[in-house]
Amino acid sequence: MKKNIHPNYRPVVFKDLSSDFAFLTRSTVETKETIKWEDGKEYPLYKIEISSASHPFYTGEQKIIDSAGRVDKFRKKYANLNLKKKEA
């Protein structure tokens, strides 16, 4: 392999800012900050806004949209408009 063309693949801590959840994995992401991890070593820190700990799909706090009710509301709203056009 050629030297100096590959990104630096190393352990990085990803920290979810909304839930204070952090995990250690390997990545090539560039960071400026570091954090001391549970094993006592210092790792690069990459802050993220959402992860599996805070995403509504994974936490079970997902909102269910009533699409059938929305369709009925739309039809009611524009049914009168269609009748007025036919009468004119």
PDB file of N, CA and C in Angstrom:
ATOM      1  N   MET A   1       0.831  -1.190   0.000  1.00  0.00           N
ATOM      2  CA  MET A   1       0.000   0.000   0.000  1.00  0.00           C
ATOM      3  C   MET A   1       0.875   1.253   0.000  1.00  0.00           C
ATOM      4  N   LYS A   2       0.379   2.287  -0.644  1.00  0.00           N
ATOM      5  CA  LYS A   2       1.107   3.549  -0.667  1.00  0.00           C
ATOM      6  C   LYS A   2       1.019   4.223   0.699  1.00  0.00           C
ATOM      7  N   LYS A   3       2.081   4.896   1.081  1.00  0.00           N
ATOM      8  CA  LYS A   3       2.116   5.585   2.362  1.00  0.00           C
ATOM      9  C   LYS A   3       1.568   7.002   2.208  1.00  0.00           C
ATOM     10  N   ASN A   4       1.019   7.506   3.308  1.00  0.00           N
ATOM     11  CA  ASN A   4       0.528   8.884   3.430  1.00  0.00           C
ATOM     12  C   ASN A   4      -0.667   9.227   2.530  1.00  0.00           C
ATOM     13  N   ILE A   5      -1.439   8.235   2.087  1.00  0.00           N
ATOM     14  CA  ILE A   5      -2.646   8.539   1.310  1.00  0.00           C
ATOM     15  C   ILE A   5      -3.908   8.073   2.030  1.00  0.00           C
ATOM     16  N   HIS A   6      -3.753   7.262   3.073  1.00  0.00           N
ATOM     17  CA  HIS A   6      -4.905   6.723   3.793  1.00  0.00           C
ATOM     18  C   HIS A   6      -5.201   7.562   5.031  1.00  0.00           C
ATOM     19  N   PRO A   7      -6.477   7.729   5.380  1.00  0.00           N
ATOM     20  CA  PRO A   7      -6.810   8.493   6.588  1.00  0.00           C
ATOM     21  C   PRO A   7      -6.397   7.726   7.844  1.00  0.00           C
ATOM     22  N   ASN A   8      -6.256   8.448   8.927  1.00  0.00           N
ATOM     23  CA  ASN A   8      -5.866   7.858  10.205  1.00  0.00           C
ATOM     24  C   ASN A   8      -7.069   7.141  10.819  1.00  0.00           C
ATOM     25  N   TYR A   9      -7.022   5.811  10.874  1.00  0.00           N
ATOM     26  CA  TYR A   9      -8.109   4.987  11.412  1.00  0.00           C
ATOM     27  C   TYR A   9      -7.751   4.632  12.845  1.00  0.00           C
ATOM     28  N   ARG A  10      -8.495   5.199  13.793  1.00  0.00           N
ATOM     29  CA  ARG A  10      -8.125   5.055  15.191  1.00  0.00           C
ATOM     30  C   ARG A  10      -9.375   5.013  16.066  1.00  0.00           C
ATOM     31  N   PRO A  11      -9.232   4.647  17.350  1.00  0.00           N
ATOM     32  CA  PRO A  11     -10.391   4.678  18.267  1.00  0.00           C
ATOM     33  C   PRO A  11     -10.834   6.113  18.512  1.00  0.00           C
ATOM     34  N   VAL A  12     -12.142   6.339  18.492  1.00  0.00           N
ATOM     35  CA  VAL A  12     -12.728   7.663  18.710  1.00  0.00           C
ATOM     36  C   VAL A  12     -13.958   7.499  19.596  1.00  0.00           C
ATOM     37  N   VAL A  13     -14.171   8.443  20.507  1.00  0.00           N
ATOM     38  CA  VAL A  13     -15.366   8.451  21.350  1.00  0.00           C
ATOM     39  C   VAL A  13     -16.388   9.370  20.698  1.00  0.00           C
ATOM     40  N   PHE A  14     -17.581   8.839  20.453  1.00  0.00           N
ATOM     41  CA  PHE A  14     -18.708   9.620  19.940  1.00  0.00           C
ATOM     42  C   PHE A  14     -19.626   9.907  21.122  1.00  0.00           C
ATOM     43  N   LYS A  15     -19.965  11.184  21.336  1.00  0.00           N
ATOM     44  CA  LYS A  15     -20.794  11.569  22.470  1.00  0.00           C
ATOM     45  C   LYS A  15     -22.059  12.259  21.983  1.00  0.00           C
ATOM     46  N   ASP A  16     -23.198  11.710  22.396  1.00  0.00           N
ATOM     47  CA  ASP A  16     -24.504  12.284  22.076  1.00  0.00           C
ATOM     48  C   ASP A  16     -24.776  13.418  23.057  1.00  0.00           C
ATOM     49  N   LEU A  17     -24.898  14.636  22.544  1.00  0.00           N
ATOM     50  CA  LEU A  17     -25.071  15.801  23.405  1.00  0.00           C
ATOM     51  C   LEU A  17     -26.454  15.877  24.036  1.00  0.00           C
ATOM     52  N   SER A  18     -27.457  15.315  23.399  1.00  0.00           N
ATOM     53  CA  SER A  18     -28.816  15.434  23.921  1.00  0.00           C
ATOM     54  C   SER A  18     -29.112  14.429  25.032  1.00  0.00           C
ATOM     55  N   SER A  19     -28.395  13.304  25.077  1.00  0.00           N
ATOM     56  CA  SER A  19     -28.684  12.311  26.110  1.00  0.00           C
ATOM     57  C   SER A  19     -27.470  11.973  26.971  1.00  0.00           C
ATOM     58  N   ASP A  20     -26.348  12.627  26.745  1.00  0.00           N
ATOM     59  CA  ASP A  20     -25.120  12.385  27.501  1.00  0.00           C
ATOM     60  C   ASP A  20     -24.679  10.919  27.404  1.00  0.00           C
ATOM     61  N   PHE A  21     -24.901  10.304  26.261  1.00  0.00           N
ATOM     62  CA  PHE A  21     -24.513   8.930  25.989  1.00  0.00           C
ATOM     63  C   PHE A  21     -23.250   8.940  25.131  1.00  0.00           C
ATOM     64  N   ALA A  22     -22.288   8.097  25.450  1.00  0.00           N
ATOM     65  CA  ALA A  22     -21.038   8.065  24.693  1.00  0.00           C
ATOM     66  C   ALA A  22     -20.669   6.615  24.395  1.00  0.00           C
ATOM     67  N   PHE A  23     -20.017   6.418  23.250  1.00  0.00           N
ATOM     68  CA  PHE A  23     -19.531   5.082  22.912  1.00  0.00           C
ATOM     69  C   PHE A  23     -18.204   5.203  22.184  1.00  0.00           C
ATOM     70  N   LEU A  24     -17.395   4.173  22.347  1.00  0.00           N
ATOM     71  CA  LEU A  24     -16.060   4.125  21.765  1.00  0.00           C
ATOM     72  C   LEU A  24     -16.078   3.196  20.563  1.00  0.00           C
ATOM     73  N   THR A  25     -15.599   3.677  19.449  1.00  0.00           N
ATOM     74  CA  THR A  25     -15.513   2.874  18.226  1.00  0.00           C
ATOM     75  C   THR A  25     -14.327   3.373  17.414  1.00  0.00           C
ATOM     76  N   ARG A  26     -14.067   2.725  16.309  1.00  0.00           N
ATOM     77  CA  ARG A  26     -12.965   3.149  15.453  1.00  0.00           C
ATOM     78  C   ARG A  26     -13.518   3.979  14.306  1.00  0.00           C
ATOM     79  N   SER A  27     -12.772   5.030  13.934  1.00  0.00           N
ATOM     80  CA  SER A  27     -13.240   5.932  12.895  1.00  0.00           C
ATOM     81  C   SER A  27     -12.065   6.705  12.303  1.00  0.00           C
ATOM     82  N   THR A  28     -12.320   7.334  11.156  1.00  0.00           N
ATOM     83  CA  THR A  28     -11.333   8.205  10.518  1.00  0.00           C
ATOM     84  C   THR A  28     -11.708   9.676  10.661  1.00  0.00           C
ATOM     85  N   VAL A  29     -12.737   9.977  11.429  1.00  0.00           N
ATOM     86  CA  VAL A  29     -13.208  11.346  11.585  1.00  0.00           C
ATOM     87  C   VAL A  29     -12.116  12.199  12.251  1.00  0.00           C
ATOM     88  N   GLU A  30     -11.999  13.438  11.772  1.00  0.00           N
ATOM     89  CA  GLU A  30     -11.012  14.367  12.326  1.00  0.00           C
ATOM     90  C   GLU A  30     -11.641  15.127  13.496  1.00  0.00           C
ATOM     91  N   THR A  31     -10.930  15.216  14.614  1.00  0.00           N
ATOM     92  CA  THR A  31     -11.428  15.910  15.788  1.00  0.00           C
ATOM     93  C   THR A  31     -10.348  16.803  16.374  1.00  0.00           C
ATOM     94  N   LYS A  32     -10.779  17.779  17.163  1.00  0.00           N
ATOM     95  CA  LYS A  32      -9.840  18.668  17.854  1.00  0.00           C
ATOM     96  C   LYS A  32      -9.869  18.442  19.358  1.00  0.00           C
ATOM     97  N   GLU A  33     -10.961  17.872  19.868  1.00  0.00           N
ATOM     98  CA  GLU A  33     -11.122  17.664  21.302  1.00  0.00           C
ATOM     99  C   GLU A  33     -10.769  16.233  21.680  1.00  0.00           C
ATOM    100  N   THR A  34     -10.429  16.044  22.962  1.00  0.00           N
ATOM    101  CA  THR A  34     -10.168  14.703  23.487  1.00  0.00           C
ATOM    102  C   THR A  34     -10.960  14.522  24.770  1.00  0.00           C
ATOM    103  N   ILE A  35     -11.120  13.261  25.175  1.00  0.00           N
ATOM    104  CA  ILE A  35     -11.844  12.931  26.400  1.00  0.00           C
ATOM    105  C   ILE A  35     -11.170  11.729  27.046  1.00  0.00           C
ATOM    106  N   LYS A  36     -11.205  11.694  28.371  1.00  0.00           N
ATOM    107  CA  LYS A  36     -10.666  10.546  29.098  1.00  0.00           C
ATOM    108  C   LYS A  36     -11.765   9.500  29.194  1.00  0.00           C
ATOM    109  N   TRP A  37     -11.516   8.312  28.702  1.00  0.00           N
ATOM    110  CA  TRP A  37     -12.517   7.243  28.645  1.00  0.00           C
ATOM    111  C   TRP A  37     -12.470   6.407  29.910  1.00  0.00           C
ATOM    112  N   GLU A  38     -13.377   5.459  30.052  1.00  0.00           N
ATOM    113  CA  GLU A  38     -13.518   4.620  31.236  1.00  0.00           C
ATOM    114  C   GLU A  38     -12.266   3.791  31.532  1.00  0.00           C
ATOM    115  N   ASP A  39     -11.498   3.471  30.498  1.00  0.00           N
ATOM    116  CA  ASP A  39     -10.297   2.657  30.701  1.00  0.00           C
ATOM    117  C   ASP A  39      -9.088   3.486  31.129  1.00  0.00           C
ATOM    118  N   GLY A  40      -9.283   4.808  31.314  1.00  0.00           N
ATOM    119  CA  GLY A  40      -8.215   5.684  31.762  1.00  0.00           C
ATOM    120  C   GLY A  40      -7.402   6.307  30.641  1.00  0.00           C
ATOM    121  N   LYS A  41      -7.606   5.861  29.414  1.00  0.00           N
ATOM    122  CA  LYS A  41      -6.875   6.410  28.270  1.00  0.00           C
ATOM    123  C   LYS A  41      -7.612   7.620  27.705  1.00  0.00           C
ATOM    124  N   GLU A  42      -6.889   8.459  26.997  1.00  0.00           N
ATOM    125  CA  GLU A  42      -7.472   9.635  26.373  1.00  0.00           C
ATOM    126  C   GLU A  42      -7.686   9.363  24.884  1.00  0.00           C
ATOM    127  N   TYR A  43      -8.898   9.654  24.406  1.00  0.00           N
ATOM    128  CA  TYR A  43      -9.272   9.404  23.013  1.00  0.00           C
ATOM    129  C   TYR A  43      -9.802  10.684  22.376  1.00  0.00           C
ATOM    130  N   PRO A  44      -9.743  10.786  21.059  1.00  0.00           N
ATOM    131  CA  PRO A  44     -10.375  11.914  20.369  1.00  0.00           C
ATOM    132  C   PRO A  44     -11.886  11.877  20.599  1.00  0.00           C
ATOM    133  N   LEU A  45     -12.499  13.040  20.720  1.00  0.00           N
ATOM    134  CA  LEU A  45     -13.937  13.161  20.987  1.00  0.00           C
ATOM    135  C   LEU A  45     -14.630  13.783  19.790  1.00  0.00           C
ATOM    136  N   TYR A  46     -15.731  13.151  19.358  1.00  0.00           N
ATOM    137  CA  TYR A  46     -16.565  13.694  18.287  1.00  0.00           C
ATOM    138  C   TYR A  46     -17.977  13.823  18.842  1.00  0.00           C
ATOM    139  N   LYS A  47     -18.507  15.046  18.848  1.00  0.00           N
ATOM    140  CA  LYS A  47     -19.839  15.301  19.406  1.00  0.00           C
ATOM    141  C   LYS A  47     -20.897  15.146  18.318  1.00  0.00           C
ATOM    142  N   ILE A  48     -21.968  14.424  18.664  1.00  0.00           N
ATOM    143  CA  ILE A  48     -23.076  14.210  17.737  1.00  0.00           C
ATOM    144  C   ILE A  48     -24.372  14.703  18.382  1.00  0.00           C
ATOM    145  N   GLU A  49     -25.340  15.045  17.554  1.00  0.00           N
ATOM    146  CA  GLU A  49     -26.603  15.573  18.071  1.00  0.00           C
ATOM    147  C   GLU A  49     -27.612  14.481  18.383  1.00  0.00           C
ATOM    148  N   ILE A  50     -27.526  13.362  17.681  1.00  0.00           N
ATOM    149  CA  ILE A  50     -28.519  12.303  17.884  1.00  0.00           C
ATOM    150  C   ILE A  50     -27.857  10.945  17.704  1.00  0.00           C
ATOM    151  N   SER A  51     -28.270   9.996  18.527  1.00  0.00           N
ATOM    152  CA  SER A  51     -27.755   8.624  18.441  1.00  0.00           C
ATOM    153  C   SER A  51     -28.896   7.674  18.776  1.00  0.00           C
ATOM    154  N   SER A  52     -28.592   6.402  18.901  1.00  0.00           N
ATOM    155  CA  SER A  52     -29.634   5.431  19.232  1.00  0.00           C
ATOM    156  C   SER A  52     -30.204   5.677  20.624  1.00  0.00           C
ATOM    157  N   ALA A  53     -29.478   6.369  21.477  1.00  0.00           N
ATOM    158  CA  ALA A  53     -29.961   6.655  22.829  1.00  0.00           C
ATOM    159  C   ALA A  53     -30.979   7.796  22.855  1.00  0.00           C
ATOM    160  N   SER A  54     -30.998   8.627  21.816  1.00  0.00           N
ATOM    161  CA  SER A  54     -31.915   9.761  21.824  1.00  0.00           C
ATOM    162  C   SER A  54     -32.856   9.810  20.625  1.00  0.00           C
ATOM    163  N   HIS A  55     -32.688   8.945  19.644  1.00  0.00           N
ATOM    164  CA  HIS A  55     -33.552   8.960  18.458  1.00  0.00           C
ATOM    165  C   HIS A  55     -34.922   8.381  18.809  1.00  0.00           C
ATOM    166  N   PRO A  56     -36.005   9.044  18.419  1.00  0.00           N
ATOM    167  CA  PRO A  56     -37.356   8.584  18.775  1.00  0.00           C
ATOM    168  C   PRO A  56     -37.669   7.159  18.320  1.00  0.00           C
ATOM    169  N   PHE A  57     -37.126   6.728  17.205  1.00  0.00           N
ATOM    170  CA  PHE A  57     -37.410   5.376  16.724  1.00  0.00           C
ATOM    171  C   PHE A  57     -36.868   4.330  17.691  1.00  0.00           C
ATOM    172  N   TYR A  58     -35.693   4.549  18.227  1.00  0.00           N
ATOM    173  CA  TYR A  58     -35.053   3.573  19.111  1.00  0.00           C
ATOM    174  C   TYR A  58     -35.504   3.698  20.562  1.00  0.00           C
ATOM    175  N   THR A  59     -35.951   4.871  20.974  1.00  0.00           N
ATOM    176  CA  THR A  59     -36.379   5.062  22.361  1.00  0.00           C
ATOM    177  C   THR A  59     -37.846   4.715  22.571  1.00  0.00           C
ATOM    178  N   GLY A  60     -38.604   4.537  21.499  1.00  0.00           N
ATOM    179  CA  GLY A  60     -40.016   4.194  21.612  1.00  0.00           C
ATOM    180  C   GLY A  60     -40.903   5.403  21.803  1.00  0.00           C
ATOM    181  N   GLU A  61     -40.376   6.594  21.658  1.00  0.00           N
ATOM    182  CA  GLU A  61     -41.158   7.819  21.824  1.00  0.00           C
ATOM    183  C   GLU A  61     -41.602   8.383  20.487  1.00  0.00           C
ATOM    184  N   GLN A  62     -41.720   7.516  19.506  1.00  0.00           N
ATOM    185  CA  GLN A  62     -42.074   7.948  18.161  1.00  0.00           C
ATOM    186  C   GLN A  62     -43.542   8.349  18.100  1.00  0.00           C
ATOM    187  N   LYS A  63     -43.823   9.465  17.447  1.00  0.00           N
ATOM    188  CA  LYS A  63     -45.195   9.923  17.279  1.00  0.00           C
ATOM    189  C   LYS A  63     -45.825   9.179  16.107  1.00  0.00           C
ATOM    190  N   ILE A  64     -47.043   8.728  16.302  1.00  0.00           N
ATOM    191  CA  ILE A  64     -47.773   8.044  15.234  1.00  0.00           C
ATOM    192  C   ILE A  64     -48.686   9.063  14.566  1.00  0.00           C
ATOM    193  N   ILE A  65     -48.556   9.187  13.271  1.00  0.00           N
ATOM    194  CA  ILE A  65     -49.340  10.162  12.518  1.00  0.00           C
ATOM    195  C   ILE A  65     -50.637   9.514  12.062  1.00  0.00           C
ATOM    196  N   ASP A  66     -51.732  10.182  12.295  1.00  0.00           N
ATOM    197  CA  ASP A  66     -53.048   9.694  11.885  1.00  0.00           C
ATOM    198  C   ASP A  66     -53.274  10.097  10.440  1.00  0.00           C
ATOM    199  N   SER A  67     -52.752   9.315   9.514  1.00  0.00           N
ATOM    200  CA  SER A  67     -52.845   9.680   8.101  1.00  0.00           C
ATOM    201  C   SER A  67     -54.264   9.520   7.558  1.00  0.00           C
ATOM    202  N   ALA A  68     -55.018   8.563   8.084  1.00  0.00           N
ATOM    203  CA  ALA A  68     -56.393   8.380   7.601  1.00  0.00           C
ATOM    204  C   ALA A  68     -57.237   9.596   7.974  1.00  0.00           C
ATOM    205  N   GLY A  69     -57.069  10.104   9.163  1.00  0.00           N
ATOM    206  CA  GLY A  69     -57.802  11.291   9.591  1.00  0.00           C
ATOM    207  C   GLY A  69     -57.416  12.518   8.786  1.00  0.00           C
ATOM    208  N   ARG A  70     -56.159  12.589   8.401  1.00  0.00           N
ATOM    209  CA  ARG A  70     -55.694  13.722   7.611  1.00  0.00           C
ATOM    210  C   ARG A  70     -56.300  13.682   6.214  1.00  0.00           C
ATOM    211  N   VAL A  71     -56.434  12.504   5.647  1.00  0.00           N
ATOM    212  CA  VAL A  71     -57.024  12.365   4.318  1.00  0.00           C
ATOM    213  C   VAL A  71     -58.492  12.775   4.357  1.00  0.00           C
ATOM    214  N   ASP A  72     -59.222  12.321   5.380  1.00  0.00           N
ATOM    215  CA  ASP A  72     -60.633  12.688   5.510  1.00  0.00           C
ATOM    216  C   ASP A  72     -60.799  14.194   5.686  1.00  0.00           C
ATOM    217  N   LYS A  73     -59.938  14.785   6.470  1.00  0.00           N
ATOM    218  CA  LYS A  73     -59.989  16.232   6.684  1.00  0.00           C
ATOM    219  C   LYS A  73     -59.752  16.974   5.370  1.00  0.00           C
ATOM    220  N   PHE A  74     -58.806  16.496   4.570  1.00  0.00           N
ATOM    221  CA  PHE A  74     -58.504  17.101   3.274  1.00  0.00           C
ATOM    222  C   PHE A  74     -59.717  17.002   2.346  1.00  0.00           C
ATOM    223  N   ARG A  75     -60.335  15.833   2.297  1.00  0.00           N
ATOM    224  CA  ARG A  75     -61.499  15.637   1.419  1.00  0.00           C
ATOM    225  C   ARG A  75     -62.662  16.530   1.830  1.00  0.00           C
ATOM    226  N   LYS A  76     -62.898  16.668   3.146  1.00  0.00           N
ATOM    227  CA  LYS A  76     -63.968  17.548   3.615  1.00  0.00           C
ATOM    228  C   LYS A  76     -63.690  18.997   3.224  1.00  0.00           C
ATOM    229  N   LYS A  77     -62.456  19.387   3.380  1.00  0.00           N
ATOM    230  CA  LYS A  77     -62.078  20.765   3.119  1.00  0.00           C
ATOM    231  C   LYS A  77     -62.299  21.134   1.655  1.00  0.00           C
ATOM    232  N   TYR A  78     -61.943  20.240   0.746  1.00  0.00           N
ATOM    233  CA  TYR A  78     -62.021  20.552  -0.677  1.00  0.00           C
ATOM    234  C   TYR A  78     -63.260  19.990  -1.372  1.00  0.00           C
ATOM    235  N   ALA A  79     -64.114  19.275  -0.651  1.00  0.00           N
ATOM    236  CA  ALA A  79     -65.360  18.782  -1.240  1.00  0.00           C
ATOM    237  C   ALA A  79     -66.279  19.951  -1.577  1.00  0.00           C
ATOM    238  N   ASN A  80     -66.374  20.906  -0.680  1.00  0.00           N
ATOM    239  CA  ASN A  80     -67.220  22.081  -0.918  1.00  0.00           C
ATOM    240  C   ASN A  80     -66.694  22.895  -2.088  1.00  0.00           C
ATOM    241  N   LEU A  81     -65.416  22.967  -2.245  1.00  0.00           N
ATOM    242  CA  LEU A  81     -64.801  23.713  -3.336  1.00  0.00           C
ATOM    243  C   LEU A  81     -65.172  23.087  -4.683  1.00  0.00           C
ATOM    244  N   ASN A  82     -65.146  21.762  -4.761  1.00  0.00           N
ATOM    245  CA  ASN A  82     -65.504  21.066  -5.993  1.00  0.00           C
ATOM    246  C   ASN A  82     -66.985  21.247  -6.325  1.00  0.00           C
ATOM    247  N   LEU A  83     -67.861  21.253  -5.318  1.00  0.00           N
ATOM    248  CA  LEU A  83     -69.291  21.451  -5.557  1.00  0.00           C
ATOM    249  C   LEU A  83     -69.565  22.847  -6.098  1.00  0.00           C
ATOM    250  N   LYS A  84     -68.853  23.857  -5.561  1.00  0.00           N
ATOM    251  CA  LYS A  84     -69.033  25.220  -6.034  1.00  0.00           C
ATOM    252  C   LYS A  84     -68.602  25.369  -7.483  1.00  0.00           C
ATOM    253  N   LYS A  85     -67.542  24.678  -7.889  1.00  0.00           N
ATOM    254  CA  LYS A  85     -67.073  24.750  -9.268  1.00  0.00           C
ATOM    255  C   LYS A  85     -68.079  24.096 -10.218  1.00  0.00           C
ATOM    256  N   LYS A  86     -68.683  22.990  -9.791  1.00  0.00           N
ATOM    257  CA  LYS A  86     -69.657  22.289 -10.632  1.00  0.00           C
ATOM    258  C   LYS A  86     -70.922  23.117 -10.810  1.00  0.00           C
ATOM    259  N   GLU A  87     -71.338  23.843  -9.758  1.00  0.00           N
ATOM    260  CA  GLU A  87     -72.540  24.656  -9.825  1.00  0.00           C
ATOM    261  C   GLU A  87     -72.337  25.872 -10.733  1.00  0.00           C
ATOM    262  N   ALA A  88     -71.148  26.370 -10.793  1.00  0.00           N
ATOM    263  CA  ALA A  88     -70.876  27.585 -11.568  1.00  0.00           C
ATOM    264  C   ALA A  88     -70.786  27.338 -13.044  1.00  0.00           C
TER     265      ALA A  88
END
